[in-house]
Amino acid sequence: MAWLAVGLAVAVGLLLGLMGGGGSILMVPLLTYVAGLDPKEAIAGSLFVVGVTSLVSVGLHARAGNVRWRTGLVFGLAGMVGAALGGVVGGFLPGTVLLIAFAVMMLVTAWAMIRPKRPTAAPAEGGHAPGRALGRIVLDGVVVGFVTGIVGAGGGFLVVPALVLLAGLPMSAAVGTSLLVIALKSFAGLGGYLTSVTLDWPFLLAVTGVAVLGALIGAALVNRVPDKALKRGFGWFVLAMGVVMLVTELVGLLA
């Protein structure tokens, strides 16, 4: 089953490259239910795979002009603080609790993307949102970093909506910028988890290599898909995966 997980990792990279997130939504259950890893090992492993894949994807999106560096660095550095703390805390929580929290977070985020609020201010090209929006970006970076550090998500399904709704970025720029944020937060969260979790590095490197291949394909397709279709498709995907994970964990808890 481990090699099946390696093969399916291409879908993780494809989602990251195309949507700026969703990779961890697949990677955590993939490593848990297919590869058979302990939930905490799966969460820490997901942070590594998603972090490396996101870092590769950033370069591809930057060449297409889809990365807002200042916005991404502000959000990402704030997120690293929260993610490192979240990774340490997550290492001491029960695996089932982590997965249920992961699924609930997915459902809330999906609703925000399917029925989004209109952004009130758009940042200048290559810059970040002014005034109160910048403060919200910093605060959201810390909070999102902490939450995603605990549950082992790169956080694209939270970062992309924040960049669209708070920073006023178009979906294509939010996708590219989110990958920078995801990479920073993933490595910070991984550092927190490594204080209490040991990983199978050869297996994770194999999964990461396949995921990077998928990311190359996804990044090449992102400018060919309309913003509205990307946004709604992202939301419905997260909703479906959240329902499946929540039901699976609740049934196992009650059995």
Foldseek 3Di string as FASTA:
>chain_A
DLVVLLQVLLVLLLCLQAQVFPSLLPQQCSCCVPVPDASLQSLLLLLVLLLVLLVLSLVLLVVVLQALPALLVLLQVLLLQLLLQLLQVLLPDHSLVLLLLVLVVLQVLLVCLQDPDQADDADDRSHWADDPLSVVSSVLSNVQSNSCLNNNGLRSSPQLSSCCRRRVDQSSSSSSSSSSSSNSSSVSSSNSNVVRDDHDVVSSVSSSVSSNVSSVVSNVCNVVDDRSCSSNVSSVVSNVSSVVSNVVSVVVVVD
